[in-house]
């Protein structure tokens, strides 16, 4: 039970600390209004949930131990960022 409490605590801290997710929410609130800005924290929480599931499944250790997998993820991430920069100027 203490592991679950630690997990929930870390997740809550991660979701509530200011960062890119908070800046995105504020920017969208100014741009589109508060009703549409509520989607941003939900997306942020979904991202934290996915990363938590990946970590809990032990895939982080596999990726850290396999340089090719780590490089592949870096490359995919960079390509996604380039695609977003081109499609969402």
PDB file of N, CA and C in Angstrom:
ATOM      1  N   UNK A   1       0.816  -1.198   0.000  1.00  0.00           N
ATOM      2  CA  UNK A   1       0.000   0.000   0.000  1.00  0.00           C
ATOM      3  C   UNK A   1       0.855   1.256   0.000  1.00  0.00           C
ATOM      4  N   UNK A   2       2.043   1.190   0.612  1.00  0.00           N
ATOM      5  CA  UNK A   2       2.894   2.376   0.654  1.00  0.00           C
ATOM      6  C   UNK A   2       3.397   2.735  -0.741  1.00  0.00           C
ATOM      7  N   UNK A   3       3.583   1.733  -1.620  1.00  0.00           N
ATOM      8  CA  UNK A   3       3.996   2.021  -2.989  1.00  0.00           C
ATOM      9  C   UNK A   3       2.906   2.771  -3.746  1.00  0.00           C
ATOM     10  N   UNK A   4       1.665   2.384  -3.524  1.00  0.00           N
ATOM     11  CA  UNK A   4       0.551   3.066  -4.174  1.00  0.00           C
ATOM     12  C   UNK A   4       0.451   4.506  -3.689  1.00  0.00           C
ATOM     13  N   UNK A   5       0.638   4.721  -2.407  1.00  0.00           N
ATOM     14  CA  UNK A   5       0.604   6.079  -1.861  1.00  0.00           C
ATOM     15  C   UNK A   5       1.725   6.924  -2.445  1.00  0.00           C
ATOM     16  N   UNK A   6       2.915   6.354  -2.549  1.00  0.00           N
ATOM     17  CA  UNK A   6       4.034   7.068  -3.154  1.00  0.00           C
ATOM     18  C   UNK A   6       3.743   7.396  -4.613  1.00  0.00           C
ATOM     19  N   UNK A   7       3.190   6.433  -5.348  1.00  0.00           N
ATOM     20  CA  UNK A   7       2.856   6.643  -6.757  1.00  0.00           C
ATOM     21  C   UNK A   7       1.842   7.774  -6.921  1.00  0.00           C
ATOM     22  N   UNK A   8       0.782   7.749  -6.122  1.00  0.00           N
ATOM     23  CA  UNK A   8      -0.250   8.783  -6.209  1.00  0.00           C
ATOM     24  C   UNK A   8       0.326  10.141  -5.830  1.00  0.00           C
ATOM     25  N   UNK A   9       1.174  10.191  -4.828  1.00  0.00           N
ATOM     26  CA  UNK A   9       1.789  11.454  -4.418  1.00  0.00           C
ATOM     27  C   UNK A   9       2.658  12.035  -5.524  1.00  0.00           C
ATOM     28  N   UNK A  10       3.505  11.213  -6.113  1.00  0.00           N
ATOM     29  CA  UNK A  10       4.376  11.687  -7.192  1.00  0.00           C
ATOM     30  C   UNK A  10       3.548  12.125  -8.391  1.00  0.00           C
ATOM     31  N   UNK A  11       2.497  11.393  -8.711  1.00  0.00           N
ATOM     32  CA  UNK A  11       1.644  11.763  -9.839  1.00  0.00           C
ATOM     33  C   UNK A  11       0.961  13.098  -9.594  1.00  0.00           C
ATOM     34  N   UNK A  12       0.442  13.312  -8.409  1.00  0.00           N
ATOM     35  CA  UNK A  12      -0.210  14.585  -8.095  1.00  0.00           C
ATOM     36  C   UNK A  12       0.777  15.748  -8.152  1.00  0.00           C
ATOM     37  N   UNK A  13       1.963  15.547  -7.622  1.00  0.00           N
ATOM     38  CA  UNK A  13       2.976  16.611  -7.668  1.00  0.00           C
ATOM     39  C   UNK A  13       3.359  16.908  -9.109  1.00  0.00           C
ATOM     40  N   UNK A  14       3.532  15.869  -9.906  1.00  0.00           N
ATOM     41  CA  UNK A  14       3.907  16.054 -11.305  1.00  0.00           C
ATOM     42  C   UNK A  14       2.821  16.797 -12.073  1.00  0.00           C
ATOM     43  N   UNK A  15       1.586  16.491 -11.799  1.00  0.00           N
ATOM     44  CA  UNK A  15       0.472  17.129 -12.515  1.00  0.00           C
ATOM     45  C   UNK A  15       0.225  18.568 -12.072  1.00  0.00           C
ATOM     46  N   UNK A  16       0.604  18.921 -10.867  1.00  0.00           N
ATOM     47  CA  UNK A  16       0.258  20.247 -10.354  1.00  0.00           C
ATOM     48  C   UNK A  16       1.407  21.248 -10.356  1.00  0.00           C
ATOM     49  N   UNK A  17       2.628  20.813 -10.594  1.00  0.00           N
ATOM     50  CA  UNK A  17       3.734  21.771 -10.592  1.00  0.00           C
ATOM     51  C   UNK A  17       3.757  22.548 -11.907  1.00  0.00           C
ATOM     52  N   UNK A  18       4.114  23.820 -11.847  1.00  0.00           N
ATOM     53  CA  UNK A  18       4.160  24.623 -13.068  1.00  0.00           C
ATOM     54  C   UNK A  18       5.222  24.095 -14.031  1.00  0.00           C
ATOM     55  N   UNK A  19       4.905  24.158 -15.266  1.00  0.00           N
ATOM     56  CA  UNK A  19       5.811  23.704 -16.310  1.00  0.00           C
ATOM     57  C   UNK A  19       5.195  23.974 -17.664  1.00  0.00           C
ATOM     58  N   UNK A  20       5.602  23.214 -18.647  1.00  0.00           N
ATOM     59  CA  UNK A  20       5.103  23.415 -20.010  1.00  0.00           C
ATOM     60  C   UNK A  20       3.595  23.202 -20.091  1.00  0.00           C
ATOM     61  N   UNK A  21       3.071  22.243 -19.338  1.00  0.00           N
ATOM     62  CA  UNK A  21       1.627  21.994 -19.352  1.00  0.00           C
ATOM     63  C   UNK A  21       0.836  23.181 -18.829  1.00  0.00           C
ATOM     64  N   UNK A  22       1.345  23.810 -17.775  1.00  0.00           N
ATOM     65  CA  UNK A  22       0.664  24.978 -17.211  1.00  0.00           C
ATOM     66  C   UNK A  22       0.739  26.154 -18.183  1.00  0.00           C
ATOM     67  N   UNK A  23       1.893  26.357 -18.791  1.00  0.00           N
ATOM     68  CA  UNK A  23       2.025  27.445 -19.767  1.00  0.00           C
ATOM     69  C   UNK A  23       1.100  27.221 -20.958  1.00  0.00           C
ATOM     70  N   UNK A  24       0.984  25.977 -21.419  1.00  0.00           N
ATOM     71  CA  UNK A  24       0.081  25.659 -22.520  1.00  0.00           C
ATOM     72  C   UNK A  24      -1.364  25.933 -22.124  1.00  0.00           C
ATOM     73  N   UNK A  25      -1.740  25.567 -20.916  1.00  0.00           N
ATOM     74  CA  UNK A  25      -3.104  25.801 -20.442  1.00  0.00           C
ATOM     75  C   UNK A  25      -3.412  27.290 -20.372  1.00  0.00           C
ATOM     76  N   UNK A  26      -2.482  28.061 -19.836  1.00  0.00           N
ATOM     77  CA  UNK A  26      -2.696  29.507 -19.723  1.00  0.00           C
ATOM     78  C   UNK A  26      -2.786  30.145 -21.105  1.00  0.00           C
ATOM     79  N   UNK A  27      -1.893  29.756 -22.014  1.00  0.00           N
ATOM     80  CA  UNK A  27      -1.922  30.309 -23.367  1.00  0.00           C
ATOM     81  C   UNK A  27      -3.240  29.993 -24.067  1.00  0.00           C
ATOM     82  N   UNK A  28      -3.706  28.755 -23.933  1.00  0.00           N
ATOM     83  CA  UNK A  28      -4.971  28.389 -24.571  1.00  0.00           C
ATOM     84  C   UNK A  28      -6.162  29.047 -23.892  1.00  0.00           C
ATOM     85  N   UNK A  29      -6.059  29.300 -22.596  1.00  0.00           N
ATOM     86  CA  UNK A  29      -7.139  30.005 -21.902  1.00  0.00           C
ATOM     87  C   UNK A  29      -7.264  31.430 -22.422  1.00  0.00           C
ATOM     88  N   UNK A  30      -6.142  32.091 -22.634  1.00  0.00           N
ATOM     89  CA  UNK A  30      -6.185  33.443 -23.183  1.00  0.00           C
ATOM     90  C   UNK A  30      -6.641  33.432 -24.637  1.00  0.00           C
ATOM     91  N   UNK A  31      -6.229  32.431 -25.383  1.00  0.00           N
ATOM     92  CA  UNK A  31      -6.536  32.373 -26.804  1.00  0.00           C
ATOM     93  C   UNK A  31      -7.978  31.940 -27.063  1.00  0.00           C
ATOM     94  N   UNK A  32      -8.454  30.901 -26.359  1.00  0.00           N
ATOM     95  CA  UNK A  32      -9.754  30.318 -26.670  1.00  0.00           C
ATOM     96  C   UNK A  32     -10.787  30.447 -25.552  1.00  0.00           C
ATOM     97  N   UNK A  33     -10.370  30.899 -24.391  1.00  0.00           N
ATOM     98  CA  UNK A  33     -11.287  31.003 -23.259  1.00  0.00           C
ATOM     99  C   UNK A  33     -11.155  29.804 -22.332  1.00  0.00           C
ATOM    100  N   UNK A  34     -11.651  29.977 -21.114  1.00  0.00           N
ATOM    101  CA  UNK A  34     -11.506  28.940 -20.092  1.00  0.00           C
ATOM    102  C   UNK A  34     -12.221  27.632 -20.425  1.00  0.00           C
ATOM    103  N   UNK A  35     -13.401  27.663 -21.057  1.00  0.00           N
ATOM    104  CA  UNK A  35     -14.064  26.379 -21.313  1.00  0.00           C
ATOM    105  C   UNK A  35     -13.233  25.416 -22.173  1.00  0.00           C
ATOM    106  N   UNK A  36     -12.532  25.923 -23.155  1.00  0.00           N
ATOM    107  CA  UNK A  36     -11.708  25.056 -23.990  1.00  0.00           C
ATOM    108  C   UNK A  36     -10.342  24.787 -23.382  1.00  0.00           C
ATOM    109  N   UNK A  37      -9.933  25.591 -22.426  1.00  0.00           N
ATOM    110  CA  UNK A  37      -8.617  25.398 -21.804  1.00  0.00           C
ATOM    111  C   UNK A  37      -8.591  24.191 -20.885  1.00  0.00           C
ATOM    112  N   UNK A  38      -9.725  23.679 -20.456  1.00  0.00           N
ATOM    113  CA  UNK A  38      -9.770  22.526 -19.564  1.00  0.00           C
ATOM    114  C   UNK A  38      -9.272  21.257 -20.237  1.00  0.00           C
ATOM    115  N   UNK A  39      -9.189  21.240 -21.544  1.00  0.00           N
ATOM    116  CA  UNK A  39      -8.687  20.066 -22.261  1.00  0.00           C
ATOM    117  C   UNK A  39      -7.188  19.884 -22.001  1.00  0.00           C
ATOM    118  N   UNK A  40      -6.457  20.969 -21.837  1.00  0.00           N
ATOM    119  CA  UNK A  40      -4.998  20.894 -21.655  1.00  0.00           C
ATOM    120  C   UNK A  40      -4.581  20.118 -20.404  1.00  0.00           C
ATOM    121  N   UNK A  41      -5.146  20.398 -19.230  1.00  0.00           N
ATOM    122  CA  UNK A  41      -4.746  19.602 -18.063  1.00  0.00           C
ATOM    123  C   UNK A  41      -5.121  18.127 -18.198  1.00  0.00           C
ATOM    124  N   UNK A  42      -6.218  17.853 -18.894  1.00  0.00           N
ATOM    125  CA  UNK A  42      -6.585  16.453 -19.111  1.00  0.00           C
ATOM    126  C   UNK A  42      -5.545  15.755 -19.980  1.00  0.00           C
ATOM    127  N   UNK A  43      -5.064  16.444 -20.996  1.00  0.00           N
ATOM    128  CA  UNK A  43      -4.001  15.877 -21.834  1.00  0.00           C
ATOM    129  C   UNK A  43      -2.705  15.701 -21.061  1.00  0.00           C
ATOM    130  N   UNK A  44      -2.396  16.665 -20.211  1.00  0.00           N
ATOM    131  CA  UNK A  44      -1.197  16.566 -19.374  1.00  0.00           C
ATOM    132  C   UNK A  44      -1.290  15.364 -18.438  1.00  0.00           C
ATOM    133  N   UNK A  45      -2.444  15.182 -17.816  1.00  0.00           N
ATOM    134  CA  UNK A  45      -2.640  14.048 -16.914  1.00  0.00           C
ATOM    135  C   UNK A  45      -2.582  12.724 -17.677  1.00  0.00           C
ATOM    136  N   UNK A  46      -3.106  12.712 -18.900  1.00  0.00           N
ATOM    137  CA  UNK A  46      -3.042  11.490 -19.715  1.00  0.00           C
ATOM    138  C   UNK A  46      -1.592  11.144 -20.048  1.00  0.00           C
ATOM    139  N   UNK A  47      -0.792  12.162 -20.353  1.00  0.00           N
ATOM    140  CA  UNK A  47       0.623  11.926 -20.627  1.00  0.00           C
ATOM    141  C   UNK A  47       1.363  11.380 -19.422  1.00  0.00           C
ATOM    142  N   UNK A  48       1.055  11.922 -18.261  1.00  0.00           N
ATOM    143  CA  UNK A  48       1.676  11.419 -17.027  1.00  0.00           C
ATOM    144  C   UNK A  48       1.245   9.976 -16.781  1.00  0.00           C
ATOM    145  N   UNK A  49      -0.011   9.671 -17.048  1.00  0.00           N
ATOM    146  CA  UNK A  49      -0.502   8.301 -16.852  1.00  0.00           C
ATOM    147  C   UNK A  49       0.205   7.321 -17.784  1.00  0.00           C
ATOM    148  N   UNK A  50       0.400   7.719 -19.036  1.00  0.00           N
ATOM    149  CA  UNK A  50       1.097   6.843 -19.994  1.00  0.00           C
ATOM    150  C   UNK A  50       2.542   6.619 -19.556  1.00  0.00           C
ATOM    151  N   UNK A  51       3.229   7.698 -19.173  1.00  0.00           N
ATOM    152  CA  UNK A  51       4.619   7.551 -18.741  1.00  0.00           C
ATOM    153  C   UNK A  51       4.715   6.728 -17.461  1.00  0.00           C
ATOM    154  N   UNK A  52       3.740   6.860 -16.577  1.00  0.00           N
ATOM    155  CA  UNK A  52       3.730   6.057 -15.356  1.00  0.00           C
ATOM    156  C   UNK A  52       3.531   4.583 -15.683  1.00  0.00           C
ATOM    157  N   UNK A  53       2.652   4.295 -16.626  1.00  0.00           N
ATOM    158  CA  UNK A  53       2.412   2.905 -17.024  1.00  0.00           C
ATOM    159  C   UNK A  53       3.653   2.304 -17.680  1.00  0.00           C
ATOM    160  N   UNK A  54       4.324   3.088 -18.518  1.00  0.00           N
ATOM    161  CA  UNK A  54       5.550   2.617 -19.158  1.00  0.00           C
ATOM    162  C   UNK A  54       6.620   2.333 -18.112  1.00  0.00           C
ATOM    163  N   UNK A  55       6.733   3.228 -17.154  1.00  0.00           N
ATOM    164  CA  UNK A  55       7.717   3.039 -16.086  1.00  0.00           C
ATOM    165  C   UNK A  55       7.372   1.833 -15.224  1.00  0.00           C
ATOM    166  N   UNK A  56       6.097   1.694 -14.888  1.00  0.00           N
ATOM    167  CA  UNK A  56       5.674   0.570 -14.055  1.00  0.00           C
ATOM    168  C   UNK A  56       5.866  -0.762 -14.768  1.00  0.00           C
ATOM    169  N   UNK A  57       5.756  -0.749 -16.082  1.00  0.00           N
ATOM    170  CA  UNK A  57       5.941  -1.979 -16.856  1.00  0.00           C
ATOM    171  C   UNK A  57       7.417  -2.348 -16.990  1.00  0.00           C
ATOM    172  N   UNK A  58       8.310  -1.464 -16.592  1.00  0.00           N
ATOM    173  CA  UNK A  58       9.737  -1.758 -16.663  1.00  0.00           C
ATOM    174  C   UNK A  58      10.362  -1.435 -18.003  1.00  0.00           C
ATOM    175  N   UNK A  59       9.620  -0.778 -18.879  1.00  0.00           N
ATOM    176  CA  UNK A  59      10.174  -0.465 -20.197  1.00  0.00           C
ATOM    177  C   UNK A  59      11.269   0.589 -20.120  1.00  0.00           C
ATOM    178  N   UNK A  60      11.231   1.425 -19.091  1.00  0.00           N
ATOM    179  CA  UNK A  60      12.287   2.422 -18.928  1.00  0.00           C
ATOM    180  C   UNK A  60      13.641   1.779 -18.728  1.00  0.00           C
ATOM    181  N   UNK A  61      13.700   0.715 -17.956  1.00  0.00           N
ATOM    182  CA  UNK A  61      14.960   0.004 -17.733  1.00  0.00           C
ATOM    183  C   UNK A  61      15.435  -0.682 -19.006  1.00  0.00           C
ATOM    184  N   UNK A  62      14.505  -1.222 -19.771  1.00  0.00           N
ATOM    185  CA  UNK A  62      14.877  -1.872 -21.039  1.00  0.00           C
ATOM    186  C   UNK A  62      15.449  -0.851 -22.012  1.00  0.00           C
ATOM    187  N   UNK A  63      14.805   0.308 -22.096  1.00  0.00           N
ATOM    188  CA  UNK A  63      15.281   1.356 -23.004  1.00  0.00           C
ATOM    189  C   UNK A  63      16.637   1.886 -22.545  1.00  0.00           C
ATOM    190  N   UNK A  64      16.813   2.060 -21.237  1.00  0.00           N
ATOM    191  CA  UNK A  64      18.087   2.549 -20.713  1.00  0.00           C
ATOM    192  C   UNK A  64      19.207   1.543 -20.958  1.00  0.00           C
ATOM    193  N   UNK A  65      18.888   0.258 -20.953  1.00  0.00           N
ATOM    194  CA  UNK A  65      19.906  -0.773 -21.143  1.00  0.00           C
ATOM    195  C   UNK A  65      20.202  -1.037 -22.619  1.00  0.00           C
ATOM    196  N   UNK A  66      19.347  -0.569 -23.514  1.00  0.00           N
ATOM    197  CA  UNK A  66      19.521  -0.816 -24.943  1.00  0.00           C
ATOM    198  C   UNK A  66      19.735   0.512 -25.659  1.00  0.00           C
ATOM    199  N   UNK A  67      20.979   0.854 -25.985  1.00  0.00           N
ATOM    200  CA  UNK A  67      21.250   2.144 -26.632  1.00  0.00           C
ATOM    201  C   UNK A  67      20.522   2.320 -27.968  1.00  0.00           C
ATOM    202  N   UNK A  68      20.323   1.256 -28.714  1.00  0.00           N
ATOM    203  CA  UNK A  68      19.642   1.371 -30.005  1.00  0.00           C
ATOM    204  C   UNK A  68      18.186   1.782 -29.803  1.00  0.00           C
ATOM    205  N   UNK A  69      17.526   1.204 -28.810  1.00  0.00           N
ATOM    206  CA  UNK A  69      16.139   1.572 -28.524  1.00  0.00           C
ATOM    207  C   UNK A  69      16.056   3.021 -28.054  1.00  0.00           C
ATOM    208  N   UNK A  70      17.006   3.440 -27.233  1.00  0.00           N
ATOM    209  CA  UNK A  70      17.019   4.817 -26.756  1.00  0.00           C
ATOM    210  C   UNK A  70      17.226   5.790 -27.913  1.00  0.00           C
ATOM    211  N   UNK A  71      18.158   5.489 -28.792  1.00  0.00           N
ATOM    212  CA  UNK A  71      18.409   6.340 -29.958  1.00  0.00           C
ATOM    213  C   UNK A  71      17.178   6.364 -30.866  1.00  0.00           C
ATOM    214  N   UNK A  72      16.531   5.229 -31.010  1.00  0.00           N
ATOM    215  CA  UNK A  72      15.320   5.177 -31.833  1.00  0.00           C
ATOM    216  C   UNK A  72      14.221   6.058 -31.275  1.00  0.00           C
ATOM    217  N   UNK A  73      14.034   6.027 -29.966  1.00  0.00           N
ATOM    218  CA  UNK A  73      13.025   6.899 -29.349  1.00  0.00           C
ATOM    219  C   UNK A  73      13.384   8.373 -29.490  1.00  0.00           C
ATOM    220  N   UNK A  74      14.663   8.681 -29.362  1.00  0.00           N
ATOM    221  CA  UNK A  74      15.095  10.074 -29.551  1.00  0.00           C
ATOM    222  C   UNK A  74      14.807  10.531 -30.980  1.00  0.00           C
ATOM    223  N   UNK A  75      15.095   9.679 -31.939  1.00  0.00           N
ATOM    224  CA  UNK A  75      14.876  10.022 -33.345  1.00  0.00           C
ATOM    225  C   UNK A  75      13.388  10.215 -33.630  1.00  0.00           C
ATOM    226  N   UNK A  76      12.567   9.313 -33.123  1.00  0.00           N
ATOM    227  CA  UNK A  76      11.121   9.439 -33.327  1.00  0.00           C
ATOM    228  C   UNK A  76      10.604  10.724 -32.685  1.00  0.00           C
ATOM    229  N   UNK A  77      11.069  11.025 -31.482  1.00  0.00           N
ATOM    230  CA  UNK A  77      10.665  12.254 -30.810  1.00  0.00           C
ATOM    231  C   UNK A  77      11.066  13.495 -31.589  1.00  0.00           C
ATOM    232  N   UNK A  78      12.272  13.496 -32.130  1.00  0.00           N
ATOM    233  CA  UNK A  78      12.738  14.641 -32.926  1.00  0.00           C
ATOM    234  C   UNK A  78      11.899  14.789 -34.203  1.00  0.00           C
ATOM    235  N   UNK A  79      11.579  13.685 -34.841  1.00  0.00           N
ATOM    236  CA  UNK A  79      10.758  13.743 -36.049  1.00  0.00           C
ATOM    237  C   UNK A  79       9.347  14.248 -35.746  1.00  0.00           C
ATOM    238  N   UNK A  80       8.800  13.848 -34.621  1.00  0.00           N
ATOM    239  CA  UNK A  80       7.478  14.342 -34.229  1.00  0.00           C
ATOM    240  C   UNK A  80       7.526  15.850 -33.988  1.00  0.00           C
ATOM    241  N   UNK A  81       8.581  16.330 -33.327  1.00  0.00           N
ATOM    242  CA  UNK A  81       8.710  17.772 -33.095  1.00  0.00           C
ATOM    243  C   UNK A  81       8.859  18.543 -34.397  1.00  0.00           C
ATOM    244  N   UNK A  82       9.624  18.019 -35.349  1.00  0.00           N
ATOM    245  CA  UNK A  82       9.762  18.673 -36.659  1.00  0.00           C
ATOM    246  C   UNK A  82       8.418  18.691 -37.372  1.00  0.00           C
ATOM    247  N   UNK A  83       7.696  17.564 -37.335  1.00  0.00           N
ATOM    248  CA  UNK A  83       6.382  17.492 -37.973  1.00  0.00           C
ATOM    249  C   UNK A  83       5.431  18.522 -37.354  1.00  0.00           C
ATOM    250  N   UNK A  84       5.453  18.646 -36.031  1.00  0.00           N
ATOM    251  CA  UNK A  84       4.584  19.614 -35.366  1.00  0.00           C
ATOM    252  C   UNK A  84       4.970  21.045 -35.732  1.00  0.00           C
ATOM    253  N   UNK A  85       6.259  21.305 -35.853  1.00  0.00           N
ATOM    254  CA  UNK A  85       6.716  22.654 -36.215  1.00  0.00           C
ATOM    255  C   UNK A  85       6.276  23.020 -37.626  1.00  0.00           C
ATOM    256  N   UNK A  86       6.263  22.047 -38.516  1.00  0.00           N
ATOM    257  CA  UNK A  86       5.865  22.316 -39.905  1.00  0.00           C
ATOM    258  C   UNK A  86       4.343  22.474 -40.016  1.00  0.00           C
ATOM    259  N   UNK A  87       3.599  21.626 -39.304  1.00  0.00           N
ATOM    260  CA  UNK A  87       2.148  21.607 -39.448  1.00  0.00           C
ATOM    261  C   UNK A  87       1.414  22.579 -38.529  1.00  0.00           C
ATOM    262  N   UNK A  88       2.040  23.005 -37.446  1.00  0.00           N
ATOM    263  CA  UNK A  88       1.403  23.927 -36.510  1.00  0.00           C
ATOM    264  C   UNK A  88       2.313  25.122 -36.262  1.00  0.00           C
ATOM    265  N   UNK A  89       2.424  25.996 -37.248  1.00  0.00           N
ATOM    266  CA  UNK A  89       3.348  27.139 -37.086  1.00  0.00           C
ATOM    267  C   UNK A  89       2.904  28.133 -36.045  1.00  0.00           C
TER     268      UNK A  89
END
